[in-house]
C-alpha atoms as a PDB file:
ATOM      1  CA  VAL A   1      13.290  12.807   2.878  1.00  0.00           C
ATOM      2  CA  GLN A   2      11.602   9.837   1.183  1.00  0.00           C
ATOM      3  CA  LEU A   3      10.313  10.237  -2.360  1.00  0.00           C
ATOM      4  CA  GLN A   4       7.689   8.162  -4.174  1.00  0.00           C
ATOM      5  CA  ALA A   5       7.199   8.737  -7.895  1.00  0.00           C
ATOM      6  CA  SER A   6       4.090   7.626  -9.766  1.00  0.00           C
ATOM      7  CA  GLY A   7       2.074   8.298 -12.897  1.00  0.00           C
ATOM      8  CA  GLY A   8       4.158   6.621 -15.559  1.00  0.00           C
ATOM      9  CA  GLY A   9       2.703   4.406 -18.229  1.00  0.00           C
ATOM     10  CA  LEU A  10       2.382   3.619 -21.918  1.00  0.00           C
ATOM     11  CA  VAL A  11       1.136   6.390 -24.184  1.00  0.00           C
ATOM     12  CA  GLN A  12       1.078   7.045 -27.914  1.00  0.00           C
ATOM     13  CA  ALA A  13       3.184   9.769 -29.446  1.00  0.00           C
ATOM     14  CA  GLY A  14       1.468  13.106 -29.034  1.00  0.00           C
ATOM     15  CA  GLY A  15      -0.212  12.037 -25.830  1.00  0.00           C
ATOM     16  CA  SER A  16       0.163  13.308 -22.283  1.00  0.00           C
ATOM     17  CA  LEU A  17       1.091  11.993 -18.865  1.00  0.00           C
ATOM     18  CA  ARG A  18       1.329  13.610 -15.462  1.00  0.00           C
ATOM     19  CA  LEU A  19       3.964  12.340 -13.076  1.00  0.00           C
ATOM     20  CA  SER A  20       3.697  12.906  -9.357  1.00  0.00           C
ATOM     21  CA  CYS A  21       6.303  12.632  -6.625  1.00  0.00           C
ATOM     22  CA  ALA A  22       5.141  12.529  -3.030  1.00  0.00           C
ATOM     23  CA  ALA A  23       7.636  13.415  -0.316  1.00  0.00           C
ATOM     24  CA  SER A  24       7.674  12.497   3.336  1.00  0.00           C
ATOM     25  CA  GLY A  25      10.010  12.661   6.268  1.00  0.00           C
ATOM     26  CA  ARG A  26      11.224  16.250   6.290  1.00  0.00           C
ATOM     27  CA  THR A  27      10.081  19.735   5.361  1.00  0.00           C
ATOM     28  CA  PHE A  28       9.288  19.444   1.674  1.00  0.00           C
ATOM     29  CA  SER A  29       9.371  23.199   1.132  1.00  0.00           C
ATOM     30  CA  ALA A  30      13.044  23.294   2.129  1.00  0.00           C
ATOM     31  CA  TYR A  31      14.086  21.362  -0.975  1.00  0.00           C
ATOM     32  CA  THR A  32      14.656  22.211  -4.575  1.00  0.00           C
ATOM     33  CA  MET A  33      12.980  19.428  -6.561  1.00  0.00           C
ATOM     34  CA  GLY A  34      14.060  17.922  -9.836  1.00  0.00           C
ATOM     35  CA  TRP A  35      12.975  15.371 -12.409  1.00  0.00           C
ATOM     36  CA  PHE A  36      15.547  13.282 -14.224  1.00  0.00           C
ATOM     37  CA  ARG A  37      15.264  10.402 -16.666  1.00  0.00           C
ATOM     38  CA  GLN A  38      17.336   7.477 -17.795  1.00  0.00           C
ATOM     39  CA  ALA A  39      16.845   5.531 -20.995  1.00  0.00           C
ATOM     40  CA  PRO A  40      18.345   2.050 -21.485  1.00  0.00           C
ATOM     41  CA  GLY A  41      22.061   2.264 -22.151  1.00  0.00           C
ATOM     42  CA  LYS A  42      22.191   5.988 -21.478  1.00  0.00           C
ATOM     43  CA  GLU A  43      23.246   8.156 -18.578  1.00  0.00           C
ATOM     44  CA  ARG A  44      20.731   9.765 -16.292  1.00  0.00           C
ATOM     45  CA  GLU A  45      19.838  13.208 -17.604  1.00  0.00           C
ATOM     46  CA  PHE A  46      18.191  16.310 -16.277  1.00  0.00           C
ATOM     47  CA  VAL A  47      14.616  17.035 -17.317  1.00  0.00           C
ATOM     48  CA  ALA A  48      13.295  19.841 -15.106  1.00  0.00           C
ATOM     49  CA  ALA A  49      13.698  21.429 -11.692  1.00  0.00           C
ATOM     50  CA  ILE A  50      11.838  23.879  -9.506  1.00  0.00           C
ATOM     51  CA  SER A  51      12.940  26.052  -6.614  1.00  0.00           C
ATOM     52  CA  ARG A  52      11.559  25.857  -3.103  1.00  0.00           C
ATOM     53  CA  GLY A  53       8.942  28.554  -3.599  1.00  0.00           C
ATOM     54  CA  SER A  54       8.287  27.792  -7.296  1.00  0.00           C
ATOM     55  CA  LEU A  55       9.782  31.104  -8.413  1.00  0.00           C
ATOM     56  CA  THR A  56      12.469  29.466 -10.545  1.00  0.00           C
ATOM     57  CA  THR A  57      12.121  26.595 -12.991  1.00  0.00           C
ATOM     58  CA  LYS A  58      14.616  25.059 -15.358  1.00  0.00           C
ATOM     59  CA  TYR A  59      14.082  22.677 -18.270  1.00  0.00           C
ATOM     60  CA  LYS A  60      16.080  20.531 -20.611  1.00  0.00           C
ATOM     61  CA  ASP A  61      15.990  22.247 -23.986  1.00  0.00           C
ATOM     62  CA  SER A  62      14.247  19.364 -25.717  1.00  0.00           C
ATOM     63  CA  VAL A  63      11.294  19.376 -23.292  1.00  0.00           C
ATOM     64  CA  ARG A  64      10.831  23.108 -22.843  1.00  0.00           C
ATOM     65  CA  GLY A  65       7.366  24.090 -24.037  1.00  0.00           C
ATOM     66  CA  ARG A  66       6.088  20.515 -23.743  1.00  0.00           C
ATOM     67  CA  PHE A  67       6.754  19.691 -20.079  1.00  0.00           C
ATOM     68  CA  THR A  68       5.776  21.728 -17.038  1.00  0.00           C
ATOM     69  CA  ILE A  69       7.121  21.205 -13.538  1.00  0.00           C
ATOM     70  CA  SER A  70       5.105  22.415 -10.567  1.00  0.00           C
ATOM     71  CA  ARG A  71       4.846  21.765  -6.864  1.00  0.00           C
ATOM     72  CA  ASP A  72       2.300  21.953  -4.083  1.00  0.00           C
ATOM     73  CA  ASN A  73       4.127  22.449  -0.805  1.00  0.00           C
ATOM     74  CA  ALA A  74       0.914  21.950   1.166  1.00  0.00           C
ATOM     75  CA  LYS A  75       0.615  18.461  -0.333  1.00  0.00           C
ATOM     76  CA  ASN A  76       4.373  17.697  -0.278  1.00  0.00           C
ATOM     77  CA  THR A  77       4.187  16.837  -3.957  1.00  0.00           C
ATOM     78  CA  VAL A  78       5.991  17.822  -7.135  1.00  0.00           C
ATOM     79  CA  TYR A  79       4.481  17.220 -10.568  1.00  0.00           C
ATOM     80  CA  LEU A  80       5.693  16.888 -14.123  1.00  0.00           C
ATOM     81  CA  GLN A  81       3.038  17.487 -16.748  1.00  0.00           C
ATOM     82  CA  MET A  82       4.242  16.007 -20.021  1.00  0.00           C
ATOM     83  CA  ASN A  83       2.444  16.932 -23.233  1.00  0.00           C
ATOM     84  CA  SER A  84       3.164  16.201 -26.886  1.00  0.00           C
ATOM     85  CA  LEU A  85       5.178  13.179 -25.872  1.00  0.00           C
ATOM     86  CA  LYS A  86       7.681  11.726 -28.310  1.00  0.00           C
ATOM     87  CA  PRO A  87       9.224   8.242 -28.535  1.00  0.00           C
ATOM     88  CA  GLU A  88      12.551   9.755 -27.461  1.00  0.00           C
ATOM     89  CA  ASP A  89      10.948  10.700 -24.135  1.00  0.00           C
ATOM     90  CA  THR A  90      10.802   7.000 -23.262  1.00  0.00           C
ATOM     91  CA  ALA A  91      12.765   6.413 -20.055  1.00  0.00           C
ATOM     92  CA  VAL A  92      12.523   5.758 -16.366  1.00  0.00           C
ATOM     93  CA  TYR A  93      11.729   9.065 -14.710  1.00  0.00           C
ATOM     94  CA  TYR A  94      13.088   9.885 -11.271  1.00  0.00           C
ATOM     95  CA  CYS A  95      12.283  12.676  -8.873  1.00  0.00           C
ATOM     96  CA  ALA A  96      15.006  14.049  -6.643  1.00  0.00           C
ATOM     97  CA  ALA A  97      15.438  16.537  -3.814  1.00  0.00           C
ATOM     98  CA  ASP A  98      18.281  18.932  -3.125  1.00  0.00           C
ATOM     99  CA  ASN A  99      18.623  21.186  -0.094  1.00  0.00           C
ATOM    100  CA  SER A 100      20.447  23.896  -2.042  1.00  0.00           C
ATOM    101  CA  VAL A 101      18.847  27.243  -2.730  1.00  0.00           C
ATOM    102  CA  VAL A 102      20.210  27.255  -6.263  1.00  0.00           C
ATOM    103  CA  VAL A 103      18.354  25.201  -8.871  1.00  0.00           C
ATOM    104  CA  PHE A 104      20.862  22.783 -10.360  1.00  0.00           C
ATOM    105  CA  ASN A 105      20.557  20.499 -13.371  1.00  0.00           C
ATOM    106  CA  ILE A 106      23.323  18.144 -12.234  1.00  0.00           C
ATOM    107  CA  PRO A 107      22.264  14.754 -10.814  1.00  0.00           C
ATOM    108  CA  LEU A 108      25.211  14.556  -8.420  1.00  0.00           C
ATOM    109  CA  VAL A 109      23.980  17.625  -6.543  1.00  0.00           C
ATOM    110  CA  TYR A 110      20.722  15.986  -5.529  1.00  0.00           C
ATOM    111  CA  ASP A 111      20.721  14.238  -2.172  1.00  0.00           C
ATOM    112  CA  TYR A 112      17.550  12.153  -2.254  1.00  0.00           C
ATOM    113  CA  TRP A 113      15.993  10.081  -5.025  1.00  0.00           C
ATOM    114  CA  GLY A 114      12.723   8.308  -5.638  1.00  0.00           C
ATOM    115  CA  GLN A 115      12.464   4.828  -7.096  1.00  0.00           C
ATOM    116  CA  GLY A 116      11.555   5.854 -10.659  1.00  0.00           C
ATOM    117  CA  THR A 117       8.496   5.410 -12.825  1.00  0.00           C
ATOM    118  CA  GLN A 118       8.541   4.044 -16.375  1.00  0.00           C
ATOM    119  CA  VAL A 119       7.326   6.204 -19.232  1.00  0.00           C
ATOM    120  CA  THR A 120       6.987   4.536 -22.622  1.00  0.00           C
ATOM    121  CA  VAL A 121       5.928   6.484 -25.694  1.00  0.00           C
ATOM    122  CA  SER A 122       4.976   4.441 -28.743  1.00  0.00           C
ATOM    123  CA  SER A 123       5.260   5.777 -32.274  1.00  0.00           C
END
């Protein structure tokens, strides 16, 4: 499956952004989808994930209550709504797909990755 992330940009602290990740190539609904991020000099970290049928979601503790992951299987797209953004949310955000049923928060589990979209939050 090919993934294309978009929606990043520059926003002031407290603002909002909505990331999108469009999938193509295989049956989107067969994949658990995740969002990860990587800041300069840091390892890639889990942000959020959603199961195939949207019944299960998981979040990094520091984004829970501010970020919401969702998906539209008819549009082959997963979203990450980010509200109340903080400077520490600044990173390149990646979407990823995993053909497991279980929703994992480990990057190594995910089989396919998008190219990343930059999110910069100014203070």
